[in-house]
N, C-alpha and C. Protein backbone atom coordinates (compact mmCIF):
# COMPACT_ATOMS: atom_id res chain seq x y z
N UNK A 1 73.23 163.10 133.37
CA UNK A 1 74.38 163.60 133.38
C UNK A 1 75.23 163.46 132.02
N UNK A 2 75.90 164.51 131.27
CA UNK A 2 76.38 164.72 130.30
C UNK A 2 77.67 164.84 130.51
N UNK A 3 78.79 164.22 130.30
CA UNK A 3 79.95 164.40 130.40
C UNK A 3 80.89 165.61 129.35
N UNK A 4 80.23 165.92 128.33
CA UNK A 4 80.25 166.69 127.41
C UNK A 4 79.97 167.92 127.19
N UNK A 5 79.64 167.99 128.02
CA UNK A 5 78.42 169.57 128.13
C UNK A 5 79.21 170.08 129.47
N UNK A 6 79.92 171.31 129.40
CA UNK A 6 80.50 172.35 130.53
C UNK A 6 79.16 172.43 131.72
N UNK A 7 78.09 173.44 130.89
CA UNK A 7 76.86 173.39 131.67
C UNK A 7 76.34 172.31 132.75
N UNK A 8 76.31 171.35 131.97
CA UNK A 8 75.99 170.55 132.75
C UNK A 8 76.81 169.78 134.15
N UNK A 9 78.17 169.51 133.90
CA UNK A 9 79.31 169.74 135.12
C UNK A 9 79.26 170.83 135.94
N UNK A 10 79.34 172.14 135.61
CA UNK A 10 78.63 172.75 136.66
C UNK A 10 77.61 172.92 137.55
N UNK A 11 76.80 172.59 136.69
CA UNK A 11 75.93 172.45 137.77
C UNK A 11 75.55 171.39 138.77
N UNK A 12 76.11 169.98 138.26
CA UNK A 12 76.61 168.98 139.05
C UNK A 12 77.22 169.51 140.06
N UNK A 13 78.40 169.94 139.93
CA UNK A 13 79.04 170.20 140.86
C UNK A 13 78.93 171.10 141.81
N UNK A 14 77.87 172.10 141.44
CA UNK A 14 77.12 173.04 142.02
C UNK A 14 76.60 172.87 143.13
N UNK A 15 76.17 171.72 143.51
CA UNK A 15 74.87 171.31 144.08
C UNK A 15 75.28 171.36 145.80
N UNK A 16 74.10 171.71 146.40
CA UNK A 16 74.77 172.17 147.79
C UNK A 16 74.91 170.77 148.75
N UNK A 17 76.05 170.45 149.49
CA UNK A 17 76.45 169.88 149.96
C UNK A 17 74.99 169.86 151.40
N UNK A 18 74.72 168.47 151.76
CA UNK A 18 74.00 168.49 152.83
C UNK A 18 74.28 167.46 153.90
N UNK A 19 75.52 166.63 153.38
CA UNK A 19 76.09 165.76 154.72
C UNK A 19 76.89 164.95 154.38
N UNK A 20 77.62 164.05 154.94
CA UNK A 20 78.14 163.03 154.46
C UNK A 20 77.51 161.95 155.44
N UNK A 21 77.88 160.90 155.24
CA UNK A 21 77.49 159.35 156.29
C UNK A 21 78.42 158.55 156.02
N UNK A 22 79.18 158.14 157.58
CA UNK A 22 80.20 157.31 157.40
C UNK A 22 79.60 155.84 157.51
N UNK A 23 80.49 155.14 156.75
CA UNK A 23 80.04 154.00 156.48
C UNK A 23 80.66 153.09 158.30
N UNK A 24 80.54 151.61 158.29
CA UNK A 24 81.07 151.22 159.38
C UNK A 24 82.45 151.40 159.46
N UNK A 25 82.87 151.52 158.55
CA UNK A 25 84.22 150.75 158.31
C UNK A 25 85.07 152.84 158.07
N UNK A 26 85.63 153.18 158.87
CA UNK A 26 86.14 154.73 158.70
C UNK A 26 87.10 154.68 157.17
N UNK A 27 87.94 153.71 156.80
CA UNK A 27 88.54 153.73 155.62
C UNK A 27 88.63 152.59 154.99
N UNK A 28 89.08 152.45 153.89
CA UNK A 28 89.58 151.16 153.25
C UNK A 28 90.92 150.81 153.06
N UNK A 29 91.28 149.58 152.58
CA UNK A 29 92.75 149.20 153.16
C UNK A 29 93.54 149.94 152.44
N UNK A 30 93.30 150.94 151.74
CA UNK A 30 94.45 151.75 151.36
C UNK A 30 94.27 153.25 152.28
N UNK A 31 93.67 153.23 153.17
CA UNK A 31 93.52 154.60 154.07
C UNK A 31 92.55 155.37 153.29
N UNK A 32 91.52 155.55 152.38
CA UNK A 32 91.11 156.42 151.59
C UNK A 32 89.63 156.68 152.73
N UNK A 33 89.18 157.61 152.92
CA UNK A 33 87.92 157.75 153.68
C UNK A 33 86.66 156.97 152.75
N UNK A 34 85.89 156.08 153.58
CA UNK A 34 84.87 155.32 152.60
C UNK A 34 83.42 156.78 153.50
N UNK A 35 82.78 157.24 152.53
CA UNK A 35 81.87 157.87 153.08
C UNK A 35 80.77 157.80 151.86
N UNK A 36 79.06 157.97 152.50
CA UNK A 36 78.17 158.71 151.30
C UNK A 36 77.52 159.60 151.39
N UNK A 37 77.88 160.51 150.33
CA UNK A 37 77.81 161.93 150.37
C UNK A 37 76.51 162.13 149.76
N UNK A 38 75.64 163.08 150.54
CA UNK A 38 74.20 163.64 150.02
C UNK A 38 74.23 164.98 149.69
N UNK A 39 73.77 165.17 148.65
CA UNK A 39 73.63 166.92 148.31
C UNK A 39 71.89 166.94 148.35
N UNK A 40 71.36 168.32 147.58
CA UNK A 40 69.91 168.56 148.04
C UNK A 40 69.72 167.80 146.61
N UNK A 41 70.35 166.99 145.80
CA UNK A 41 69.86 166.31 144.85
C UNK A 41 69.86 164.77 144.85
N UNK A 42 70.01 164.14 146.37
CA UNK A 42 70.12 162.85 146.50
C UNK A 42 71.63 162.21 146.81
N UNK A 43 71.52 161.04 146.79
CA UNK A 43 72.67 160.35 147.10
C UNK A 43 73.73 160.59 145.96
N UNK A 44 75.18 161.49 146.02
CA UNK A 44 75.81 161.79 145.02
C UNK A 44 76.65 160.69 144.68
N UNK A 45 77.12 159.81 145.69
CA UNK A 45 77.86 158.55 145.09
C UNK A 45 77.08 157.78 143.92
N UNK A 46 75.84 157.94 143.91
CA UNK A 46 74.94 156.92 142.77
C UNK A 46 74.87 157.62 141.74
N UNK A 47 74.62 159.48 141.78
CA UNK A 47 74.38 160.17 140.82
C UNK A 47 75.89 160.20 139.86
N UNK A 48 77.15 159.92 140.41
CA UNK A 48 78.16 160.08 139.59
C UNK A 48 78.49 158.55 138.90
N UNK A 49 77.71 157.42 139.68
CA UNK A 49 78.07 156.29 138.90
C UNK A 49 76.72 155.84 137.76
N UNK A 50 75.75 156.69 137.92
CA UNK A 50 74.51 157.20 137.32
C UNK A 50 75.11 157.53 135.99
N UNK A 51 75.86 158.74 136.39
CA UNK A 51 76.50 159.32 134.68
C UNK A 51 77.48 158.51 134.21
N UNK A 52 78.45 157.35 134.88
CA UNK A 52 79.01 156.98 133.85
C UNK A 52 80.77 157.84 134.71
N UNK A 53 80.51 158.21 135.55
CA UNK A 53 81.58 159.25 135.95
C UNK A 53 82.53 158.21 136.97
N UNK A 54 82.11 157.24 137.60
CA UNK A 54 82.79 156.43 138.42
C UNK A 54 82.15 154.92 138.60
N UNK A 55 82.98 153.91 138.88
CA UNK A 55 82.24 152.48 139.13
C UNK A 55 81.52 152.13 140.38
N UNK A 56 81.40 151.20 140.59
CA UNK A 56 80.62 150.58 141.91
C UNK A 56 81.84 150.09 142.55
N UNK A 57 82.18 150.21 143.75
CA UNK A 57 82.98 149.18 144.38
C UNK A 57 82.28 149.34 146.32
N UNK A 58 82.54 147.84 146.51
CA UNK A 58 81.87 147.72 147.52
C UNK A 58 82.83 147.24 148.63
N UNK A 59 82.69 147.72 150.00
CA UNK A 59 83.91 147.28 151.09
C UNK A 59 82.69 146.92 152.24
N UNK A 60 82.28 145.53 152.08
CA UNK A 60 81.68 144.72 152.89
C UNK A 60 82.51 145.17 154.53
N UNK A 61 81.37 145.32 155.50
CA UNK A 61 80.19 144.94 155.38
C UNK A 61 79.35 146.25 154.83
N UNK A 62 79.95 147.51 154.42
CA UNK A 62 79.28 149.00 154.11
C UNK A 62 78.75 148.67 152.79
N UNK A 63 77.53 148.12 152.77
CA UNK A 63 76.55 147.91 151.53
C UNK A 63 75.23 148.12 151.46
N UNK A 64 75.05 149.17 152.34
CA UNK A 64 73.90 149.72 152.90
C UNK A 64 72.93 150.36 151.42
N UNK A 65 73.48 151.41 150.44
CA UNK A 65 73.28 151.42 149.30
C UNK A 65 74.02 150.71 147.91
N UNK A 66 74.07 149.55 148.24
CA UNK A 66 74.54 148.42 147.16
C UNK A 66 73.51 148.49 146.11
N UNK A 67 72.59 147.90 146.39
CA UNK A 67 71.38 147.45 145.13
C UNK A 67 71.12 149.17 144.37
N UNK A 68 70.94 150.34 145.17
CA UNK A 68 71.10 151.60 144.28
C UNK A 68 72.14 151.72 143.51
N UNK A 69 73.08 151.86 143.98
CA UNK A 69 74.42 152.15 143.03
C UNK A 69 74.77 151.03 142.17
N UNK A 70 74.50 149.70 142.32
CA UNK A 70 74.31 148.76 141.25
C UNK A 70 73.75 148.92 140.00
N UNK A 71 72.35 149.09 140.21
CA UNK A 71 71.66 149.50 139.66
C UNK A 71 71.78 150.71 138.56
N UNK A 72 72.48 151.77 139.32
CA UNK A 72 72.90 153.15 138.86
C UNK A 72 73.78 152.59 137.46
N UNK A 73 74.88 152.17 138.03
CA UNK A 73 75.94 151.42 137.37
C UNK A 73 75.35 150.39 135.42
N UNK A 74 74.28 149.67 136.13
CA UNK A 74 73.63 149.04 135.04
C UNK A 74 72.98 149.75 133.86
N UNK A 75 72.23 150.71 134.39
CA UNK A 75 71.76 152.01 133.54
C UNK A 75 72.83 152.60 132.85
N UNK A 76 74.00 152.84 133.53
CA UNK A 76 75.17 153.86 132.62
C UNK A 76 75.80 153.17 131.78
N UNK A 77 76.07 151.28 132.32
CA UNK A 77 76.43 150.63 131.33
C UNK A 77 75.80 150.63 129.68
N UNK A 78 74.30 150.18 130.05
CA UNK A 78 73.39 150.11 128.99
C UNK A 78 73.01 151.47 127.81
N UNK A 79 73.16 152.53 128.82
CA UNK A 79 72.76 153.98 127.83
C UNK A 79 74.43 154.28 127.14
N UNK A 80 75.67 153.38 127.63
CA UNK A 80 76.79 153.92 126.95
C UNK A 80 77.41 155.12 128.11
N UNK A 81 76.89 155.60 129.11
CA UNK A 81 77.37 157.02 129.54
C UNK A 81 78.84 157.20 130.02
N UNK A 82 79.38 158.16 129.94
CA UNK A 82 80.80 157.97 130.59
C UNK A 82 82.03 157.10 130.33
N UNK A 83 82.18 156.51 131.58
CA UNK A 83 83.26 155.10 131.38
C UNK A 83 82.74 154.35 130.18
N UNK A 84 81.32 154.05 129.97
CA UNK A 84 80.84 153.09 129.39
C UNK A 84 80.85 153.20 127.80
N UNK A 85 80.93 154.58 127.57
CA UNK A 85 80.92 155.19 125.82
C UNK A 85 81.84 154.51 125.06
N UNK A 86 81.67 154.65 123.82
CA UNK A 86 82.40 153.58 122.97
C UNK A 86 83.73 154.24 122.93
N UNK A 87 83.63 155.87 123.23
CA UNK A 87 84.98 156.53 122.93
C UNK A 87 85.48 156.86 124.05
N UNK A 88 85.26 156.45 125.43
CA UNK A 88 85.93 156.67 126.71
C UNK A 88 87.34 156.57 126.66
N UNK A 89 87.88 155.44 126.14
CA UNK A 89 89.25 155.28 125.96
C UNK A 89 90.13 155.67 125.11
N UNK A 90 89.80 156.50 124.26
CA UNK A 90 90.47 156.46 122.93
C UNK A 90 91.40 157.15 123.04
N UNK A 91 92.46 156.52 122.57
CA UNK A 91 93.80 157.43 122.44
C UNK A 91 94.91 156.35 121.91
N UNK A 92 96.33 156.89 122.41
CA UNK A 92 97.47 156.08 121.45
C UNK A 92 97.09 154.62 121.98
N UNK A 93 97.81 153.16 120.87
CA UNK A 93 97.79 152.11 121.36
C UNK A 93 98.88 151.76 122.75
N UNK A 94 98.67 151.01 123.60
CA UNK A 94 99.55 150.83 124.49
C UNK A 94 100.86 149.79 123.47
N UNK A 95 102.15 150.55 124.29
CA UNK A 95 102.75 149.24 124.03
C UNK A 95 102.75 148.19 124.00
N UNK A 96 103.24 147.17 123.56
CA UNK A 96 103.13 145.73 124.06
C UNK A 96 103.69 145.34 124.91
N UNK A 97 103.51 144.37 126.17
CA UNK A 97 104.11 144.11 127.07
C UNK A 97 104.60 142.72 127.31
N UNK A 98 105.24 142.89 127.91
CA UNK A 98 106.10 140.71 128.10
C UNK A 98 104.97 140.37 128.85
N UNK A 99 104.48 139.16 128.30
CA UNK A 99 103.51 138.24 128.99
C UNK A 99 104.20 138.17 130.69
N UNK A 100 103.56 137.89 131.65
CA UNK A 100 103.73 137.95 133.19
C UNK A 100 103.80 136.14 132.43
N UNK A 101 104.93 135.10 133.87
CA UNK A 101 104.67 133.91 133.95
C UNK A 101 103.42 133.42 134.73
N UNK A 102 103.00 132.34 134.17
CA UNK A 102 101.81 132.06 135.00
C UNK A 102 102.19 131.60 136.49
N UNK A 103 101.33 131.58 137.42
CA UNK A 103 101.87 131.57 138.93
C UNK A 103 101.14 130.16 139.11
N UNK A 104 101.80 129.32 140.11
CA UNK A 104 101.53 127.81 140.37
C UNK A 104 100.81 127.85 141.27
N UNK A 105 99.59 127.01 140.91
CA UNK A 105 98.18 127.03 141.81
C UNK A 105 98.68 125.72 142.62
N UNK A 106 98.15 125.84 144.22
CA UNK A 106 98.13 124.47 145.29
C UNK A 106 96.98 123.71 144.70
N UNK A 107 97.55 122.28 144.88
CA UNK A 107 96.36 121.13 144.71
C UNK A 107 95.60 121.19 143.19
N UNK A 108 96.50 121.59 142.30
CA UNK A 108 95.76 121.28 140.93
C UNK A 108 94.66 122.56 140.33
N UNK A 109 94.26 123.42 141.68
CA UNK A 109 93.99 124.79 141.16
C UNK A 109 94.36 125.65 139.84
N UNK A 110 93.40 126.18 139.39
CA UNK A 110 93.92 127.15 138.68
C UNK A 110 94.20 128.58 138.77
N UNK A 111 94.97 129.28 138.26
CA UNK A 111 94.78 130.72 138.56
C UNK A 111 93.92 131.52 137.83
N UNK A 112 93.44 132.64 138.23
CA UNK A 112 92.28 132.81 137.35
C UNK A 112 92.52 134.73 137.17
N UNK A 113 92.41 135.17 136.16
CA UNK A 113 93.27 136.87 135.65
C UNK A 113 92.58 137.57 135.14
N UNK A 114 91.96 138.87 135.82
CA UNK A 114 91.66 140.12 135.17
C UNK A 114 91.79 141.20 134.93
N UNK A 115 91.72 142.34 134.26
CA UNK A 115 92.43 143.56 134.47
C UNK A 115 91.44 144.45 135.24
N UNK A 116 92.08 145.20 136.46
CA UNK A 116 91.30 146.42 136.91
C UNK A 116 91.58 147.52 136.30
N UNK A 117 91.41 147.60 135.23
CA UNK A 117 91.19 148.80 134.10
C UNK A 117 89.66 149.29 134.23
N UNK A 118 89.20 150.57 134.49
CA UNK A 118 87.86 150.38 134.26
C UNK A 118 87.18 150.19 132.99
N UNK A 119 87.90 149.72 131.52
CA UNK A 119 87.13 149.24 130.54
C UNK A 119 87.15 147.83 130.53
N UNK A 120 87.78 147.04 131.64
CA UNK A 120 87.84 145.80 131.39
C UNK A 120 86.65 145.18 131.15
N UNK A 121 86.52 143.80 130.33
CA UNK A 121 85.01 143.39 130.26
C UNK A 121 85.27 141.60 130.85
N UNK A 122 86.39 140.94 130.40
CA UNK A 122 86.79 139.90 130.99
C UNK A 122 87.65 139.23 132.02
N UNK A 123 87.40 138.26 132.30
CA UNK A 123 88.29 137.41 132.73
C UNK A 123 88.58 136.09 132.36
N UNK A 124 89.93 135.61 132.87
CA UNK A 124 90.38 134.33 131.99
C UNK A 124 90.75 133.24 133.13
N UNK A 125 91.17 132.41 132.89
CA UNK A 125 91.79 131.21 133.50
C UNK A 125 93.16 131.03 132.77
N UNK A 126 94.08 130.24 133.54
CA UNK A 126 95.38 130.31 133.05
C UNK A 126 95.64 129.35 132.24
N UNK A 127 94.85 128.39 131.76
CA UNK A 127 94.37 127.94 130.14
C UNK A 127 94.38 128.52 128.81
N UNK A 128 94.08 130.05 129.43
CA UNK A 128 93.64 130.79 128.60
C UNK A 128 94.52 131.75 127.98
N UNK A 129 95.52 131.78 126.85
CA UNK A 129 96.69 132.23 126.68
C UNK A 129 96.34 133.79 126.42
N UNK A 130 95.02 134.50 126.44
CA UNK A 130 94.53 135.68 126.17
C UNK A 130 94.99 136.56 127.51
N UNK A 131 94.97 135.73 128.75
CA UNK A 131 95.36 136.53 129.76
C UNK A 131 96.65 137.36 129.96
N UNK A 132 97.77 136.54 128.75
CA UNK A 132 98.72 137.04 128.66
C UNK A 132 98.95 138.58 128.23
N UNK A 133 97.40 138.82 127.63
CA UNK A 133 97.74 140.40 127.16
C UNK A 133 97.47 141.30 128.35
N UNK A 134 96.81 141.22 128.82
CA UNK A 134 96.70 141.93 129.86
C UNK A 134 97.71 142.95 130.63
N UNK A 135 97.67 144.19 130.51
CA UNK A 135 98.89 145.04 130.81
C UNK A 135 99.08 144.64 132.22
N UNK A 136 100.74 144.30 132.63
CA UNK A 136 100.84 143.91 133.50
C UNK A 136 100.40 144.97 134.75
N UNK A 137 100.58 146.21 134.36
CA UNK A 137 100.07 147.59 135.22
C UNK A 137 98.36 147.10 136.18
N UNK A 138 97.89 146.78 135.29
CA UNK A 138 96.04 146.62 135.98
C UNK A 138 96.25 144.89 135.94
N UNK A 139 97.14 143.59 135.73
CA UNK A 139 96.67 143.01 135.94
C UNK A 139 96.40 142.40 137.30
N UNK A 140 95.18 141.35 137.58
CA UNK A 140 94.95 140.78 138.76
C UNK A 140 95.06 139.70 138.86
N UNK A 141 95.60 138.77 140.01
CA UNK A 141 94.99 137.36 139.69
C UNK A 141 94.54 136.41 141.47
N UNK A 142 93.80 135.48 140.82
CA UNK A 142 93.38 135.27 142.04
C UNK A 142 93.19 133.63 142.26
N UNK A 143 93.35 132.87 143.22
CA UNK A 143 93.65 131.43 143.18
C UNK A 143 92.61 130.76 142.85
N UNK A 144 91.16 131.43 142.94
CA UNK A 144 89.88 131.04 142.34
C UNK A 144 89.01 131.63 141.30
N UNK A 145 88.11 130.71 140.84
CA UNK A 145 86.94 131.74 139.68
C UNK A 145 86.29 132.68 141.11
N UNK A 146 85.97 131.75 142.31
CA UNK A 146 85.14 132.07 143.37
C UNK A 146 85.72 133.53 143.92
N UNK A 147 87.22 133.43 144.03
CA UNK A 147 87.76 134.56 144.99
C UNK A 147 87.18 135.88 143.81
N UNK A 148 88.08 135.39 142.79
CA UNK A 148 87.70 136.55 141.49
C UNK A 148 86.90 137.54 141.34
N UNK A 149 85.46 136.31 141.94
CA UNK A 149 84.16 136.72 141.21
C UNK A 149 83.55 137.38 142.76
N UNK A 150 83.71 137.40 143.70
CA UNK A 150 83.85 137.88 145.23
C UNK A 150 84.25 139.20 145.11
N UNK A 151 85.55 139.53 144.61
CA UNK A 151 86.07 140.73 144.32
C UNK A 151 84.95 141.55 143.61
N UNK A 152 84.98 141.06 142.19
CA UNK A 152 84.32 141.74 140.90
C UNK A 152 82.64 141.39 140.88
N UNK A 153 82.32 141.12 142.10
CA UNK A 153 80.42 141.13 141.96
C UNK A 153 79.90 142.52 141.52
N UNK A 154 79.18 142.87 140.86
CA UNK A 154 78.65 143.65 140.65
C UNK A 154 78.80 144.43 139.57
N UNK A 155 80.15 144.11 138.90
CA UNK A 155 80.35 144.34 137.76
C UNK A 155 80.25 144.02 136.15
N UNK A 156 80.90 144.40 134.98
CA UNK A 156 80.38 143.93 133.84
C UNK A 156 81.32 142.80 133.16
N UNK A 157 82.41 142.69 134.31
CA UNK A 157 83.21 141.55 133.80
C UNK A 157 82.68 140.33 133.68
N UNK A 158 83.32 139.24 132.71
CA UNK A 158 82.44 138.46 132.39
C UNK A 158 83.48 137.16 131.83
N UNK A 159 83.54 136.40 131.98
CA UNK A 159 83.96 135.04 131.54
C UNK A 159 84.34 134.49 130.15
N UNK A 160 84.88 134.72 129.86
CA UNK A 160 85.49 134.66 128.39
C UNK A 160 86.13 133.36 127.58
N UNK A 161 86.84 132.34 128.29
CA UNK A 161 87.27 131.53 127.46
C UNK A 161 86.42 130.18 127.42
N UNK A 162 86.10 129.31 126.58
CA UNK A 162 85.91 127.66 126.88
C UNK A 162 87.15 126.93 127.08
N UNK A 163 88.50 126.92 127.41
CA UNK A 163 89.23 126.40 127.74
C UNK A 163 89.43 125.80 128.81
N UNK A 164 88.69 125.95 130.27
CA UNK A 164 88.69 126.15 131.17
C UNK A 164 87.68 125.18 131.75
C-alpha cells in the first residue's frame, strides 16, 4: 500500500467486506468494538498495519493473529511505510512544555516513562532527565520496567538510558 497514491487508497477501500469475527472480548476498556475484519484480500487488520496506516495493539486474551500482525508491523517499520516514514510527522515544532514532577515509587522502585505518540521510540527510567521532554499529552508512566514492557510488547519502543 502506498499512502501517497490516491488510486491505491481507493482500491484498498473498495475491497469487498467478507465479514468480521468478534474476539473473545466484545470491547476494549474504552468501549471500542474489538473485531478482526476480513475482506476478499484477507485480514484487513493485518493489511493496514503492513501498510503503515495502523500499529499493533493487543488486548489479551485476544491474540489469535498476534504474530501475523506483529510481522506486518515489523515489515512496515523496516520499509519505512506510513507512520514509520521519515516524513510521517513533519509539521511545526510543538511548544515547550513544563516537565511533570517525578512520581514517588514504593519500596525504592523506579517509575518508568514513555510516550503513547505513534512516533515514540524510547522509554526512560525516572533517573534519566530525558523523560521530562516527553509531551504531557502523551506521557505514560509505569511502576516498573516489566509493567511498561507488558503494555508495549511488540512495538519498536526500546530502552534509552544508561543512567538506570
